[in-house]
C-alpha atoms as a PDB file:
ATOM      1  CA  MET A   1       0.000   0.000   0.000  1.00  0.00           C
ATOM      2  CA  HIS A   2       1.384   3.390  -1.014  1.00  0.00           C
ATOM      3  CA  ASP A   3       1.083   6.493   1.145  1.00  0.00           C
ATOM      4  CA  GLN A   4      -0.855   9.341  -0.370  1.00  0.00           C
ATOM      5  CA  GLN A   5       1.227  12.299  -1.493  1.00  0.00           C
ATOM      6  CA  LYS A   6       0.049  15.844  -2.041  1.00  0.00           C
ATOM      7  CA  GLN A   7       2.252  18.184  -4.034  1.00  0.00           C
ATOM      8  CA  LEU A   8       2.781  21.465  -2.183  1.00  0.00           C
ATOM      9  CA  LYS A   9       5.176  23.013  -4.695  1.00  0.00           C
ATOM     10  CA  GLU A  10       7.735  21.738  -7.176  1.00  0.00           C
ATOM     11  CA  HIS A  11       9.798  18.911  -5.575  1.00  0.00           C
ATOM     12  CA  TYR A  12       7.896  19.198  -2.227  1.00  0.00           C
ATOM     13  CA  TYR A  13       5.219  16.663  -1.236  1.00  0.00           C
ATOM     14  CA  ALA A  14       3.220  16.118   1.939  1.00  0.00           C
ATOM     15  CA  VAL A  15       3.229  12.355   2.595  1.00  0.00           C
ATOM     16  CA  GLY A  16       0.430  10.606   4.455  1.00  0.00           C
ATOM     17  CA  ALA A  17      -2.570  12.058   6.232  1.00  0.00           C
ATOM     18  CA  LEU A  18      -3.156  15.800   6.469  1.00  0.00           C
ATOM     19  CA  LYS A  19      -4.860  16.793   9.719  1.00  0.00           C
ATOM     20  CA  LYS A  20      -6.697  20.071   9.946  1.00  0.00           C
ATOM     21  CA  GLY A  21      -6.265  22.023  13.149  1.00  0.00           C
ATOM     22  CA  THR A  22      -4.355  19.534  15.275  1.00  0.00           C
ATOM     23  CA  SER A  23      -0.871  18.109  15.477  1.00  0.00           C
ATOM     24  CA  GLY A  24      -0.823  16.486  18.913  1.00  0.00           C
ATOM     25  CA  ASP A  25       1.679  18.097  21.292  1.00  0.00           C
ATOM     26  CA  MET A  26       1.394  21.838  20.761  1.00  0.00           C
ATOM     27  CA  ASP A  27       4.228  23.439  22.773  1.00  0.00           C
ATOM     28  CA  TYR A  28       4.918  25.544  19.705  1.00  0.00           C
ATOM     29  CA  GLU A  29       1.316  26.648  19.068  1.00  0.00           C
ATOM     30  CA  GLU A  30       1.829  30.233  20.233  1.00  0.00           C
ATOM     31  CA  ASP A  31       5.013  30.641  18.152  1.00  0.00           C
ATOM     32  CA  LEU A  32       3.324  29.248  15.035  1.00  0.00           C
ATOM     33  CA  LEU A  33       0.146  31.331  15.375  1.00  0.00           C
ATOM     34  CA  SER A  34       2.157  34.476  16.003  1.00  0.00           C
ATOM     35  CA  PHE A  35       4.381  33.831  12.989  1.00  0.00           C
ATOM     36  CA  LEU A  36       1.498  33.042  10.631  1.00  0.00           C
ATOM     37  CA  GLY A  37      -0.714  35.848  11.936  1.00  0.00           C
ATOM     38  CA  VAL A  38      -3.765  33.605  12.402  1.00  0.00           C
ATOM     39  CA  GLU A  39      -6.125  33.284  15.358  1.00  0.00           C
ATOM     40  CA  SER A  40      -6.316  29.511  15.774  1.00  0.00           C
ATOM     41  CA  VAL A  41      -4.750  26.241  14.651  1.00  0.00           C
ATOM     42  CA  GLY A  42      -8.096  25.484  13.008  1.00  0.00           C
ATOM     43  CA  GLU A  43      -6.767  27.487  10.053  1.00  0.00           C
ATOM     44  CA  VAL A  44      -3.661  25.275   9.764  1.00  0.00           C
ATOM     45  CA  THR A  45      -3.292  21.770   8.293  1.00  0.00           C
ATOM     46  CA  PHE A  46      -0.542  19.567   9.752  1.00  0.00           C
ATOM     47  CA  PHE A  47       1.307  16.555   8.373  1.00  0.00           C
ATOM     48  CA  SER A  48       4.141  14.431   9.693  1.00  0.00           C
ATOM     49  CA  ARG A  49       6.251  13.510   6.645  1.00  0.00           C
ATOM     50  CA  LEU A  50       7.728  15.567   3.823  1.00  0.00           C
ATOM     51  CA  LYS A  51       9.284  14.335   0.585  1.00  0.00           C
ATOM     52  CA  ILE A  52      11.904  16.608  -1.001  1.00  0.00           C
ATOM     53  CA  ARG A  53      13.489  15.435  -4.262  1.00  0.00           C
ATOM     54  CA  GLY A  54      12.841  11.799  -3.371  1.00  0.00           C
ATOM     55  CA  VAL A  55      14.105  12.034   0.246  1.00  0.00           C
ATOM     56  CA  ILE A  56      11.565  11.524   3.065  1.00  0.00           C
ATOM     57  CA  ILE A  57      11.967  13.635   6.201  1.00  0.00           C
ATOM     58  CA  HIS A  58       9.911  12.639   9.229  1.00  0.00           C
ATOM     59  CA  SER A  59       8.830  14.984  11.966  1.00  0.00           C
ATOM     60  CA  ARG A  60       8.792  14.149  15.661  1.00  0.00           C
ATOM     61  CA  SER A  61       5.002  13.869  15.369  1.00  0.00           C
ATOM     62  CA  TYR A  62       5.465  10.741  13.194  1.00  0.00           C
ATOM     63  CA  ASN A  63       5.767   7.918  15.701  1.00  0.00           C
ATOM     64  CA  ARG A  64       6.095   4.874  13.461  1.00  0.00           C
ATOM     65  CA  VAL A  65       9.918   5.108  13.296  1.00  0.00           C
ATOM     66  CA  PRO A  66      10.925   4.744  16.960  1.00  0.00           C
ATOM     67  CA  ARG A  67      14.433   3.305  16.468  1.00  0.00           C
ATOM     68  CA  ARG A  68      16.001   5.991  14.322  1.00  0.00           C
ATOM     69  CA  ASN A  69      15.953   9.735  14.195  1.00  0.00           C
ATOM     70  CA  ASN A  70      14.971  10.934  10.725  1.00  0.00           C
ATOM     71  CA  HIS A  71      13.837  14.372  11.839  1.00  0.00           C
ATOM     72  CA  THR A  72      17.120  16.234  12.379  1.00  0.00           C
ATOM     73  CA  VAL A  73      17.671  18.739   9.575  1.00  0.00           C
ATOM     74  CA  LEU A  74      20.085  21.374   8.381  1.00  0.00           C
ATOM     75  CA  TYR A  75      18.214  24.534   7.424  1.00  0.00           C
ATOM     76  CA  GLN A  76      18.957  28.053   6.268  1.00  0.00           C
ATOM     77  CA  GLU A  77      17.874  31.263   7.957  1.00  0.00           C
ATOM     78  CA  GLY A  78      19.163  34.387   6.256  1.00  0.00           C
ATOM     79  CA  ASN A  79      22.812  33.813   5.320  1.00  0.00           C
ATOM     80  CA  SER A  80      23.407  31.258   8.105  1.00  0.00           C
ATOM     81  CA  THR A  81      22.727  27.554   8.517  1.00  0.00           C
ATOM     82  CA  PHE A  82      21.342  25.883  11.635  1.00  0.00           C
ATOM     83  CA  TYR A  83      20.488  22.413  12.896  1.00  0.00           C
ATOM     84  CA  GLY A  84      17.247  21.387  14.532  1.00  0.00           C
ATOM     85  CA  GLN A  85      14.603  18.733  14.840  1.00  0.00           C
ATOM     86  CA  THR A  86      11.357  19.005  12.903  1.00  0.00           C
ATOM     87  CA  GLU A  87       8.378  18.942  15.249  1.00  0.00           C
ATOM     88  CA  VAL A  88       5.702  18.985  12.533  1.00  0.00           C
ATOM     89  CA  PHE A  89       5.082  20.227   8.985  1.00  0.00           C
ATOM     90  CA  PHE A  90       2.178  22.504   8.099  1.00  0.00           C
ATOM     91  CA  VAL A  91       0.205  24.117   5.309  1.00  0.00           C
ATOM     92  CA  ALA A  92      -1.746  27.326   5.903  1.00  0.00           C
ATOM     93  CA  LYS A  93      -3.745  28.979   3.153  1.00  0.00           C
ATOM     94  CA  ASP A  94      -4.503  32.683   2.948  1.00  0.00           C
ATOM     95  CA  VAL A  95      -1.904  33.781   5.476  1.00  0.00           C
ATOM     96  CA  PRO A  96       0.311  36.817   4.992  1.00  0.00           C
ATOM     97  CA  ARG A  97       3.723  35.226   5.598  1.00  0.00           C
ATOM     98  CA  MET A  98       3.937  31.669   4.307  1.00  0.00           C
ATOM     99  CA  CYS A  99       1.745  28.858   3.077  1.00  0.00           C
ATOM    100  CA  SER A 100       3.886  25.822   3.985  1.00  0.00           C
ATOM    101  CA  GLY A 101       6.768  25.096   6.309  1.00  0.00           C
ATOM    102  CA  ALA A 102       8.107  23.225   9.311  1.00  0.00           C
ATOM    103  CA  VAL A 103       8.170  23.929  13.031  1.00  0.00           C
ATOM    104  CA  VAL A 104      11.757  23.202  14.108  1.00  0.00           C
ATOM    105  CA  SER A 105      13.174  23.020  17.628  1.00  0.00           C
ATOM    106  CA  SER A 106      16.597  24.590  17.236  1.00  0.00           C
ATOM    107  CA  HIS A 107      19.861  23.254  18.615  1.00  0.00           C
ATOM    108  CA  VAL A 108      23.073  25.136  19.332  1.00  0.00           C
ATOM    109  CA  TYR A 109      26.021  23.732  17.452  1.00  0.00           C
ATOM    110  CA  GLU A 110      29.726  24.284  17.645  1.00  0.00           C
ATOM    111  CA  LYS A 111      32.745  23.216  15.664  1.00  0.00           C
ATOM    112  CA  HIS A 112      34.410  20.286  17.322  1.00  0.00           C
ATOM    113  CA  ASP A 113      37.847  18.775  16.885  1.00  0.00           C
ATOM    114  CA  PHE A 114      37.859  15.063  16.120  1.00  0.00           C
ATOM    115  CA  PHE A 115      41.178  13.264  16.316  1.00  0.00           C
ATOM    116  CA  GLY A 116      43.057  16.570  16.287  1.00  0.00           C
ATOM    117  CA  SER A 117      41.496  18.089  13.169  1.00  0.00           C
ATOM    118  CA  THR A 118      38.329  20.030  12.407  1.00  0.00           C
ATOM    119  CA  VAL A 119      35.682  17.940  10.652  1.00  0.00           C
ATOM    120  CA  THR A 120      33.128  19.930   8.660  1.00  0.00           C
ATOM    121  CA  HIS A 121      30.447  17.287   8.007  1.00  0.00           C
ATOM    122  CA  ILE A 122      29.907  16.349  11.684  1.00  0.00           C
ATOM    123  CA  VAL A 123      28.831  18.921  14.260  1.00  0.00           C
ATOM    124  CA  CYS A 124      28.343  18.794  18.015  1.00  0.00           C
ATOM    125  CA  LEU A 125      24.795  19.784  19.071  1.00  0.00           C
ATOM    126  CA  HIS A 126      23.638  21.069  22.441  1.00  0.00           C
ATOM    127  CA  LYS A 127      20.024  21.538  23.455  1.00  0.00           C
ATOM    128  CA  PRO A 128      19.448  25.179  24.362  1.00  0.00           C
ATOM    129  CA  ASN A 129      18.383  26.064  27.925  1.00  0.00           C
ATOM    130  CA  ARG A 130      14.949  27.010  26.658  1.00  0.00           C
ATOM    131  CA  ILE A 131      13.381  25.220  23.733  1.00  0.00           C
ATOM    132  CA  ARG A 132      13.261  27.681  20.864  1.00  0.00           C
ATOM    133  CA  PHE A 133      10.929  26.964  17.982  1.00  0.00           C
ATOM    134  CA  THR A 134      11.711  28.324  14.544  1.00  0.00           C
ATOM    135  CA  ILE A 135       9.246  28.414  11.665  1.00  0.00           C
ATOM    136  CA  VAL A 136      11.146  27.359   8.550  1.00  0.00           C
ATOM    137  CA  PRO A 137       9.843  27.641   4.964  1.00  0.00           C
ATOM    138  CA  LEU A 138      10.065  24.270   3.209  1.00  0.00           C
ATOM    139  CA  GLU A 139      12.512  25.608   0.632  1.00  0.00           C
ATOM    140  CA  ASN A 140      14.936  26.565   3.445  1.00  0.00           C
ATOM    141  CA  ILE A 141      15.339  22.941   4.538  1.00  0.00           C
ATOM    142  CA  ILE A 142      18.709  21.962   3.089  1.00  0.00           C
ATOM    143  CA  ASP A 143      18.967  18.296   4.054  1.00  0.00           C
ATOM    144  CA  VAL A 144      18.108  15.616   6.573  1.00  0.00           C
ATOM    145  CA  CYS A 145      20.970  14.592   8.880  1.00  0.00           C
ATOM    146  CA  ILE A 146      22.054  11.547  10.809  1.00  0.00           C
ATOM    147  CA  TYR A 147      21.686  12.261  14.533  1.00  0.00           C
ATOM    148  CA  MET A 148      23.823  10.397  17.061  1.00  0.00           C
ATOM    149  CA  LYS A 149      23.312  10.597  20.810  1.00  0.00           C
ATOM    150  CA  PHE A 150      25.309   8.660  23.353  1.00  0.00           C
ATOM    151  CA  SER A 151      23.964   7.796  26.797  1.00  0.00           C
ATOM    152  CA  ASP A 152      27.086   9.017  28.628  1.00  0.00           C
ATOM    153  CA  CYS A 153      27.098  12.625  27.346  1.00  0.00           C
ATOM    154  CA  ASP A 154      24.798  15.641  27.392  1.00  0.00           C
ATOM    155  CA  PHE A 155      25.173  16.499  23.735  1.00  0.00           C
ATOM    156  CA  GLY A 156      24.697  14.769  20.403  1.00  0.00           C
ATOM    157  CA  TYR A 157      26.191  14.873  16.941  1.00  0.00           C
ATOM    158  CA  ALA A 158      24.660  15.533  13.538  1.00  0.00           C
ATOM    159  CA  ALA A 159      26.284  14.400  10.311  1.00  0.00           C
ATOM    160  CA  LEU A 160      25.355  15.114   6.726  1.00  0.00           C
ATOM    161  CA  PHE A 161      24.759  12.112   4.480  1.00  0.00           C
ATOM    162  CA  ALA A 162      27.477  11.457   1.907  1.00  0.00           C
ATOM    163  CA  ASN A 163      24.610  10.458  -0.423  1.00  0.00           C
ATOM    164  CA  HIS A 164      21.003   9.340  -0.051  1.00  0.00           C
ATOM    165  CA  ILE A 165      21.295   6.037  -1.922  1.00  0.00           C
END
């Protein structure tokens, strides 16, 4: 059985069910409503998986993949890039700022020396003191990352895929 896909724009597809007005855990509701300039989540449709150029990105709201993290992404904001975890994807029609995007909980990253040299494709991620949600347009999502967390440390690592094959 194939999941339904709805094209949002060129190369961007919502995968699976679209749910109007609810996305489960809504810690980010105030941030999203403020950003979109709407009164209630009833005006927003949520979905949990996004397909970009053949690559599926899950959000944390998709709970059928418990053993791996496929929701850590690299995204662009202005001239800078950031790492975060996608909480949920959304579509909102007739809003002033954006019609589709992702709610991302941002992480603080820093360059880290591995084996005495700086590695550019692996970064060390720290959770910020306060969870900060960023609303990211779909086209600003650069790539999905591999996220690695070890039980004996307070931080994790994100690595870019060499390829998606």
